[in-house]
Amino acid sequence: MASRSTAPEKRPGFFSQIRSLYTFTQSEFRWLPWALIGAVLIGIGVGIGIGFLVPPVEIWSVILWGVSGLLMGILLAMVLLTRLSTRVMYRKLDGMPGAVGHVLSTGLGRSWVTSEMPVGVNPRTQDAVYRAVGRGGVVIIGEGARGRLTRLINDERKKVSRVASGIHVEVLYVGDGEGDIHISKLAKTIKSLPKNVDRATLAAVVKRIESVSQSVTSLPIPKGIDPARARAQRPR
């Protein structure tokens, strides 16, 4: 019998991740190479300019400031690449089933308890409801048409109210309609909610909600994109 390998899975290297991120972003922004080159040149120019302005003006001083400007330009290019790649990611996620779960699981950090899997699904229409629990209370997020989400939203709200009485419950709808929140602003909107739940209460609320949550593993998950493939790997 073949022996099972216990070696940990090898992660892509830093430069491999940068290359993947660049390729992913350039698919939408063809002018990306020129923007990155421009960012580096701006950094170098600023560094050299400082070298000529700061006395004593010596050749070695200008060179050192130029090198510092180069590093600053590379950093500026990396920031630009990261922001543009995020914009591309949201473009690809917009309107796709499962997009909300991906954003919740990757965009809120450890201060919120979420899941990439929905807590309620309509197998016929692929509408889904997700939940996030944090210092801002309980947030129920609907993904799909508002009219079809009413029952799923109400069911989840009642379930939460039974075990988390007195905790603020916020309902958000993701979409492009009036009153909806665009997928790109979902994480920011949730993070901006007032923190009215202390940590001890939060832990108890999370435990109670999870204890009564019905498993949806047997329900068909909306088929669309694989959210994990909607973004390139970020350099670590």
C-alpha atoms as a PDB file:
ATOM      1  CA  MET A   1       0.000   0.000   0.000  1.00  0.00           C
ATOM      2  CA  ALA A   2       1.359   3.384  -0.967  1.00  0.00           C
ATOM      3  CA  SER A   3       2.469   5.519   1.939  1.00  0.00           C
ATOM      4  CA  ARG A   4       0.543   8.700   2.576  1.00  0.00           C
ATOM      5  CA  SER A   5       2.610  11.839   2.265  1.00  0.00           C
ATOM      6  CA  THR A   6       2.692  13.968   5.402  1.00  0.00           C
ATOM      7  CA  ALA A   7       4.572  16.857   3.796  1.00  0.00           C
ATOM      8  CA  PRO A   8       2.666  20.133   4.049  1.00  0.00           C
ATOM      9  CA  GLU A   9       1.250  21.591   0.847  1.00  0.00           C
ATOM     10  CA  LYS A  10       3.760  23.954  -0.711  1.00  0.00           C
ATOM     11  CA  ARG A  11       2.462  27.488  -1.065  1.00  0.00           C
ATOM     12  CA  PRO A  12       3.313  29.649  -4.054  1.00  0.00           C
ATOM     13  CA  GLY A  13       6.326  31.878  -3.487  1.00  0.00           C
ATOM     14  CA  PHE A  14       6.150  35.640  -3.103  1.00  0.00           C
ATOM     15  CA  PHE A  15       7.116  36.422  -6.701  1.00  0.00           C
ATOM     16  CA  SER A  16       4.774  33.728  -7.999  1.00  0.00           C
ATOM     17  CA  GLN A  17       1.911  35.383  -6.130  1.00  0.00           C
ATOM     18  CA  ILE A  18       2.892  38.795  -7.489  1.00  0.00           C
ATOM     19  CA  ARG A  19       2.898  37.386 -11.016  1.00  0.00           C
ATOM     20  CA  SER A  20      -0.539  35.820 -10.522  1.00  0.00           C
ATOM     21  CA  LEU A  21      -1.886  39.066  -9.092  1.00  0.00           C
ATOM     22  CA  TYR A  22      -0.468  41.025 -12.036  1.00  0.00           C
ATOM     23  CA  THR A  23      -1.929  38.629 -14.625  1.00  0.00           C
ATOM     24  CA  PHE A  24      -5.306  38.647 -12.878  1.00  0.00           C
ATOM     25  CA  THR A  25      -5.444  42.457 -12.828  1.00  0.00           C
ATOM     26  CA  GLN A  26      -4.116  43.047 -16.336  1.00  0.00           C
ATOM     27  CA  SER A  27      -6.982  40.970 -17.730  1.00  0.00           C
ATOM     28  CA  GLU A  28      -9.230  43.962 -16.978  1.00  0.00           C
ATOM     29  CA  PHE A  29      -6.763  46.866 -17.088  1.00  0.00           C
ATOM     30  CA  ARG A  30      -4.561  46.615 -20.156  1.00  0.00           C
ATOM     31  CA  TRP A  31      -2.795  49.842 -19.222  1.00  0.00           C
ATOM     32  CA  LEU A  32      -1.584  48.323 -15.951  1.00  0.00           C
ATOM     33  CA  PRO A  33       2.117  47.970 -17.030  1.00  0.00           C
ATOM     34  CA  TRP A  34       2.360  51.680 -17.849  1.00  0.00           C
ATOM     35  CA  ALA A  35       0.671  52.639 -14.581  1.00  0.00           C
ATOM     36  CA  LEU A  36       3.127  50.543 -12.557  1.00  0.00           C
ATOM     37  CA  ILE A  37       6.125  51.923 -14.468  1.00  0.00           C
ATOM     38  CA  GLY A  38       4.795  55.424 -13.924  1.00  0.00           C
ATOM     39  CA  ALA A  39       4.449  54.823 -10.181  1.00  0.00           C
ATOM     40  CA  VAL A  40       8.073  53.661  -9.956  1.00  0.00           C
ATOM     41  CA  LEU A  41       9.325  56.613 -12.009  1.00  0.00           C
ATOM     42  CA  ILE A  42       7.380  59.049  -9.835  1.00  0.00           C
ATOM     43  CA  GLY A  43       9.021  57.565  -6.750  1.00  0.00           C
ATOM     44  CA  ILE A  44      12.475  57.855  -8.276  1.00  0.00           C
ATOM     45  CA  GLY A  45      11.804  61.420  -9.382  1.00  0.00           C
ATOM     46  CA  VAL A  46      10.633  62.448  -5.925  1.00  0.00           C
ATOM     47  CA  GLY A  47      13.684  60.840  -4.342  1.00  0.00           C
ATOM     48  CA  ILE A  48      16.131  62.568  -6.688  1.00  0.00           C
ATOM     49  CA  GLY A  49      14.302  65.868  -6.244  1.00  0.00           C
ATOM     50  CA  ILE A  50      14.686  65.616  -2.470  1.00  0.00           C
ATOM     51  CA  GLY A  51      18.374  64.805  -3.000  1.00  0.00           C
ATOM     52  CA  PHE A  52      18.893  68.128  -4.788  1.00  0.00           C
ATOM     53  CA  LEU A  53      16.864  70.080  -2.238  1.00  0.00           C
ATOM     54  CA  VAL A  54      18.451  68.759   0.961  1.00  0.00           C
ATOM     55  CA  PRO A  55      21.935  70.177   1.645  1.00  0.00           C
ATOM     56  CA  PRO A  56      24.689  69.296   1.259  1.00  0.00           C
ATOM     57  CA  VAL A  57      24.024  68.503  -2.415  1.00  0.00           C
ATOM     58  CA  GLU A  58      26.529  65.760  -3.137  1.00  0.00           C
ATOM     59  CA  ILE A  59      26.425  63.063  -5.806  1.00  0.00           C
ATOM     60  CA  TRP A  60      26.346  60.287  -3.196  1.00  0.00           C
ATOM     61  CA  SER A  61      23.454  62.021  -1.426  1.00  0.00           C
ATOM     62  CA  VAL A  62      21.449  62.282  -4.652  1.00  0.00           C
ATOM     63  CA  ILE A  63      22.125  58.607  -5.406  1.00  0.00           C
ATOM     64  CA  LEU A  64      20.992  57.529  -1.942  1.00  0.00           C
ATOM     65  CA  TRP A  65      17.832  59.606  -2.223  1.00  0.00           C
ATOM     66  CA  GLY A  66      17.260  58.124  -5.693  1.00  0.00           C
ATOM     67  CA  VAL A  67      17.503  54.604  -4.279  1.00  0.00           C
ATOM     68  CA  SER A  68      15.069  55.573  -1.518  1.00  0.00           C
ATOM     69  CA  GLY A  69      12.765  56.983  -4.199  1.00  0.00           C
ATOM     70  CA  LEU A  70      13.005  53.694  -6.112  1.00  0.00           C
ATOM     71  CA  LEU A  71      11.873  51.767  -3.044  1.00  0.00           C
ATOM     72  CA  MET A  72       9.074  54.261  -2.510  1.00  0.00           C
ATOM     73  CA  GLY A  73       8.016  53.861  -6.149  1.00  0.00           C
ATOM     74  CA  ILE A  74       7.949  50.074  -5.842  1.00  0.00           C
ATOM     75  CA  LEU A  75       5.790  50.385  -2.732  1.00  0.00           C
ATOM     76  CA  LEU A  76       3.458  52.783  -4.559  1.00  0.00           C
ATOM     77  CA  ALA A  77       3.217  50.351  -7.483  1.00  0.00           C
ATOM     78  CA  MET A  78       2.343  47.500  -5.101  1.00  0.00           C
ATOM     79  CA  VAL A  79      -0.397  49.557  -3.460  1.00  0.00           C
ATOM     80  CA  LEU A  80      -1.788  50.465  -6.882  1.00  0.00           C
ATOM     81  CA  LEU A  81      -1.687  46.827  -8.024  1.00  0.00           C
ATOM     82  CA  THR A  82      -3.470  45.648  -4.874  1.00  0.00           C
ATOM     83  CA  ARG A  83      -6.243  48.234  -5.162  1.00  0.00           C
ATOM     84  CA  LEU A  84      -6.819  47.568  -8.838  1.00  0.00           C
ATOM     85  CA  SER A  85      -6.901  43.809  -8.241  1.00  0.00           C
ATOM     86  CA  THR A  86      -9.529  44.329  -5.546  1.00  0.00           C
ATOM     87  CA  ARG A  87     -11.617  46.314  -8.009  1.00  0.00           C
ATOM     88  CA  VAL A  88     -11.318  43.509 -10.561  1.00  0.00           C
ATOM     89  CA  MET A  89     -12.306  40.959  -7.941  1.00  0.00           C
ATOM     90  CA  TYR A  90     -15.518  42.825  -7.137  1.00  0.00           C
ATOM     91  CA  ARG A  91     -16.309  43.182 -10.830  1.00  0.00           C
ATOM     92  CA  LYS A  92     -16.109  39.423 -11.238  1.00  0.00           C
ATOM     93  CA  LEU A  93     -18.089  38.738  -8.058  1.00  0.00           C
ATOM     94  CA  ASP A  94     -20.866  41.220  -8.812  1.00  0.00           C
ATOM     95  CA  GLY A  95     -24.144  39.389  -9.381  1.00  0.00           C
ATOM     96  CA  MET A  96     -22.666  35.926  -8.984  1.00  0.00           C
ATOM     97  CA  PRO A  97     -24.234  33.402  -6.564  1.00  0.00           C
ATOM     98  CA  GLY A  98     -21.972  32.817  -3.573  1.00  0.00           C
ATOM     99  CA  ALA A  99     -20.296  36.226  -3.798  1.00  0.00           C
ATOM    100  CA  VAL A 100     -21.600  37.355  -0.403  1.00  0.00           C
ATOM    101  CA  GLY A 101     -20.177  34.299   1.332  1.00  0.00           C
ATOM    102  CA  HIS A 102     -16.769  34.940  -0.161  1.00  0.00           C
ATOM    103  CA  VAL A 103     -16.740  38.579   0.959  1.00  0.00           C
ATOM    104  CA  LEU A 104     -17.912  37.706   4.474  1.00  0.00           C
ATOM    105  CA  SER A 105     -15.306  35.001   4.942  1.00  0.00           C
ATOM    106  CA  THR A 106     -12.394  37.071   3.641  1.00  0.00           C
ATOM    107  CA  GLY A 107     -13.268  40.721   4.205  1.00  0.00           C
ATOM    108  CA  LEU A 108     -14.392  41.072   7.829  1.00  0.00           C
ATOM    109  CA  GLY A 109     -11.462  39.691   9.775  1.00  0.00           C
ATOM    110  CA  ARG A 110     -11.554  37.920  13.109  1.00  0.00           C
ATOM    111  CA  SER A 111     -13.853  40.402  14.816  1.00  0.00           C
ATOM    112  CA  TRP A 112     -16.856  38.907  13.015  1.00  0.00           C
ATOM    113  CA  VAL A 113     -18.080  35.314  13.035  1.00  0.00           C
ATOM    114  CA  THR A 114     -19.239  34.387   9.544  1.00  0.00           C
ATOM    115  CA  SER A 115     -19.324  31.495   7.126  1.00  0.00           C
ATOM    116  CA  GLU A 116     -18.847  31.154   3.410  1.00  0.00           C
ATOM    117  CA  MET A 117     -21.890  28.874   3.395  1.00  0.00           C
ATOM    118  CA  PRO A 118     -25.380  30.442   3.531  1.00  0.00           C
ATOM    119  CA  VAL A 119     -27.670  29.860   6.525  1.00  0.00           C
ATOM    120  CA  GLY A 120     -30.680  29.686   4.246  1.00  0.00           C
ATOM    121  CA  VAL A 121     -31.054  28.794   0.578  1.00  0.00           C
ATOM    122  CA  ASN A 122     -33.892  28.644  -1.942  1.00  0.00           C
ATOM    123  CA  PRO A 123     -32.760  25.744  -4.167  1.00  0.00           C
ATOM    124  CA  ARG A 124     -35.101  26.742  -6.999  1.00  0.00           C
ATOM    125  CA  THR A 125     -34.170  30.412  -7.327  1.00  0.00           C
ATOM    126  CA  GLN A 126     -30.645  30.193  -5.830  1.00  0.00           C
ATOM    127  CA  ASP A 127     -31.469  33.094  -3.493  1.00  0.00           C
ATOM    128  CA  ALA A 128     -29.487  32.830  -0.270  1.00  0.00           C
ATOM    129  CA  VAL A 129     -29.256  34.365   3.186  1.00  0.00           C
ATOM    130  CA  TYR A 130     -26.006  34.788   5.105  1.00  0.00           C
ATOM    131  CA  ARG A 131     -25.309  35.812   8.682  1.00  0.00           C
ATOM    132  CA  ALA A 132     -22.504  37.690  10.418  1.00  0.00           C
ATOM    133  CA  VAL A 133     -22.200  38.090  14.189  1.00  0.00           C
ATOM    134  CA  GLY A 134     -19.923  40.672  15.764  1.00  0.00           C
ATOM    135  CA  ARG A 135     -19.630  43.675  18.071  1.00  0.00           C
ATOM    136  CA  GLY A 136     -22.144  45.473  15.854  1.00  0.00           C
ATOM    137  CA  GLY A 137     -24.781  42.824  16.529  1.00  0.00           C
ATOM    138  CA  VAL A 138     -26.228  40.280  14.127  1.00  0.00           C
ATOM    139  CA  VAL A 139     -26.267  41.109  10.425  1.00  0.00           C
ATOM    140  CA  ILE A 140     -28.497  39.138   8.069  1.00  0.00           C
ATOM    141  CA  ILE A 141     -27.546  39.534   4.415  1.00  0.00           C
ATOM    142  CA  GLY A 142     -29.802  38.640   1.528  1.00  0.00           C
ATOM    143  CA  GLU A 143     -28.371  37.679  -1.854  1.00  0.00           C
ATOM    144  CA  GLY A 144     -30.965  37.705  -4.610  1.00  0.00           C
ATOM    145  CA  ALA A 145     -34.289  39.375  -5.381  1.00  0.00           C
ATOM    146  CA  ARG A 146     -35.838  41.149  -2.387  1.00  0.00           C
ATOM    147  CA  GLY A 147     -39.318  39.789  -3.003  1.00  0.00           C
ATOM    148  CA  ARG A 148     -38.152  36.191  -3.014  1.00  0.00           C
ATOM    149  CA  LEU A 149     -35.919  36.688   0.029  1.00  0.00           C
ATOM    150  CA  THR A 150     -38.705  37.797   2.390  1.00  0.00           C
ATOM    151  CA  ARG A 151     -39.430  34.376   3.824  1.00  0.00           C
ATOM    152  CA  LEU A 152     -35.789  33.387   4.230  1.00  0.00           C
ATOM    153  CA  ILE A 153     -34.948  36.707   5.895  1.00  0.00           C
ATOM    154  CA  ASN A 154     -37.921  36.496   8.280  1.00  0.00           C
ATOM    155  CA  ASP A 155     -37.128  32.904   9.241  1.00  0.00           C
ATOM    156  CA  GLU A 156     -33.536  33.809  10.077  1.00  0.00           C
ATOM    157  CA  ARG A 157     -34.585  36.934  11.967  1.00  0.00           C
ATOM    158  CA  LYS A 158     -37.037  34.936  14.130  1.00  0.00           C
ATOM    159  CA  LYS A 159     -34.417  32.293  14.842  1.00  0.00           C
ATOM    160  CA  VAL A 160     -31.893  34.903  15.936  1.00  0.00           C
ATOM    161  CA  SER A 161     -34.445  36.799  18.040  1.00  0.00           C
ATOM    162  CA  ARG A 162     -35.303  33.665  20.009  1.00  0.00           C
ATOM    163  CA  VAL A 163     -31.754  33.143  21.243  1.00  0.00           C
ATOM    164  CA  ALA A 164     -30.341  36.680  21.133  1.00  0.00           C
ATOM    165  CA  SER A 165     -33.055  38.843  22.628  1.00  0.00           C
ATOM    166  CA  GLY A 166     -32.005  42.479  22.943  1.00  0.00           C
ATOM    167  CA  ILE A 167     -29.204  42.187  20.368  1.00  0.00           C
ATOM    168  CA  HIS A 168     -29.459  44.538  17.411  1.00  0.00           C
ATOM    169  CA  VAL A 169     -30.320  42.745  14.163  1.00  0.00           C
ATOM    170  CA  GLU A 170     -29.431  44.489  10.910  1.00  0.00           C
ATOM    171  CA  VAL A 171     -30.803  43.302   7.555  1.00  0.00           C
ATOM    172  CA  LEU A 172     -28.875  44.109   4.383  1.00  0.00           C
ATOM    173  CA  TYR A 173     -29.637  43.306   0.765  1.00  0.00           C
ATOM    174  CA  VAL A 174     -26.820  42.978  -1.745  1.00  0.00           C
ATOM    175  CA  GLY A 175     -27.549  44.165  -5.251  1.00  0.00           C
ATOM    176  CA  ASP A 176     -27.812  47.169  -7.526  1.00  0.00           C
ATOM    177  CA  GLY A 177     -31.386  48.209  -6.777  1.00  0.00           C
ATOM    178  CA  GLU A 178     -32.612  51.106  -4.669  1.00  0.00           C
ATOM    179  CA  GLY A 179     -31.716  50.563  -1.037  1.00  0.00           C
ATOM    180  CA  ASP A 180     -29.371  47.683  -1.898  1.00  0.00           C
ATOM    181  CA  ILE A 181     -25.679  47.577  -1.041  1.00  0.00           C
ATOM    182  CA  HIS A 182     -23.175  46.904  -3.779  1.00  0.00           C
ATOM    183  CA  ILE A 183     -21.019  43.854  -3.138  1.00  0.00           C
ATOM    184  CA  SER A 184     -17.893  46.049  -3.074  1.00  0.00           C
ATOM    185  CA  LYS A 185     -19.269  48.033  -0.099  1.00  0.00           C
ATOM    186  CA  LEU A 186     -20.623  45.121   1.932  1.00  0.00           C
ATOM    187  CA  ALA A 187     -17.631  44.559   4.223  1.00  0.00           C
ATOM    188  CA  LYS A 188     -17.180  48.288   4.822  1.00  0.00           C
ATOM    189  CA  THR A 189     -20.870  48.708   5.679  1.00  0.00           C
ATOM    190  CA  ILE A 190     -20.816  45.890   8.216  1.00  0.00           C
ATOM    191  CA  LYS A 191     -17.602  47.124   9.828  1.00  0.00           C
ATOM    192  CA  SER A 192     -19.084  50.604  10.218  1.00  0.00           C
ATOM    193  CA  LEU A 193     -21.970  49.404  12.398  1.00  0.00           C
ATOM    194  CA  PRO A 194     -21.839  50.812  15.961  1.00  0.00           C
ATOM    195  CA  LYS A 195     -20.189  48.442  18.428  1.00  0.00           C
ATOM    196  CA  ASN A 196     -22.921  47.908  21.011  1.00  0.00           C
ATOM    197  CA  VAL A 197     -22.114  44.340  22.082  1.00  0.00           C
ATOM    198  CA  ASP A 198     -19.344  43.631  24.596  1.00  0.00           C
ATOM    199  CA  ARG A 199     -17.002  40.696  24.068  1.00  0.00           C
ATOM    200  CA  ALA A 200     -18.459  38.500  26.812  1.00  0.00           C
ATOM    201  CA  THR A 201     -21.992  38.931  25.485  1.00  0.00           C
ATOM    202  CA  LEU A 202     -20.774  38.374  21.935  1.00  0.00           C
ATOM    203  CA  ALA A 203     -19.244  35.003  22.837  1.00  0.00           C
ATOM    204  CA  ALA A 204     -22.485  33.881  24.469  1.00  0.00           C
ATOM    205  CA  VAL A 205     -24.592  35.071  21.529  1.00  0.00           C
ATOM    206  CA  VAL A 206     -22.387  33.277  19.003  1.00  0.00           C
ATOM    207  CA  LYS A 207     -22.629  30.060  21.009  1.00  0.00           C
ATOM    208  CA  ARG A 208     -26.423  30.242  21.287  1.00  0.00           C
ATOM    209  CA  ILE A 209     -26.940  31.064  17.630  1.00  0.00           C
ATOM    210  CA  GLU A 210     -24.678  28.265  16.471  1.00  0.00           C
ATOM    211  CA  SER A 211     -26.457  25.796  18.743  1.00  0.00           C
ATOM    212  CA  VAL A 212     -29.826  26.407  17.071  1.00  0.00           C
ATOM    213  CA  SER A 213     -28.613  26.943  13.529  1.00  0.00           C
ATOM    214  CA  GLN A 214     -30.018  24.399  11.170  1.00  0.00           C
ATOM    215  CA  SER A 215     -27.508  22.690   8.976  1.00  0.00           C
ATOM    216  CA  VAL A 216     -27.801  23.563   5.320  1.00  0.00           C
ATOM    217  CA  THR A 217     -25.187  21.105   4.156  1.00  0.00           C
ATOM    218  CA  SER A 218     -27.905  18.954   2.600  1.00  0.00           C
ATOM    219  CA  LEU A 219     -29.315  21.867   0.603  1.00  0.00           C
ATOM    220  CA  PRO A 220     -28.062  22.606  -2.900  1.00  0.00           C
ATOM    221  CA  ILE A 221     -25.607  25.487  -2.787  1.00  0.00           C
ATOM    222  CA  PRO A 222     -26.107  28.074  -5.541  1.00  0.00           C
ATOM    223  CA  LYS A 223     -24.050  27.188  -8.555  1.00  0.00           C
ATOM    224  CA  GLY A 224     -22.113  29.994 -10.094  1.00  0.00           C
ATOM    225  CA  ILE A 225     -18.508  30.948  -9.881  1.00  0.00           C
ATOM    226  CA  ASP A 226     -16.132  29.473  -7.401  1.00  0.00           C
ATOM    227  CA  PRO A 227     -15.540  32.574  -5.220  1.00  0.00           C
ATOM    228  CA  ALA A 228     -12.006  31.408  -4.459  1.00  0.00           C
ATOM    229  CA  ARG A 229     -11.197  31.752  -8.156  1.00  0.00           C
ATOM    230  CA  ALA A 230     -12.585  35.238  -8.427  1.00  0.00           C
ATOM    231  CA  ARG A 231      -9.433  36.727  -6.977  1.00  0.00           C
ATOM    232  CA  ALA A 232      -5.759  36.141  -7.425  1.00  0.00           C
ATOM    233  CA  GLN A 233      -3.632  35.119  -4.495  1.00  0.00           C
ATOM    234  CA  ARG A 234      -2.332  38.063  -2.512  1.00  0.00           C
ATOM    235  CA  PRO A 235       1.364  38.233  -1.701  1.00  0.00           C
ATOM    236  CA  ARG A 236       2.013  37.265   1.922  1.00  0.00           C
END
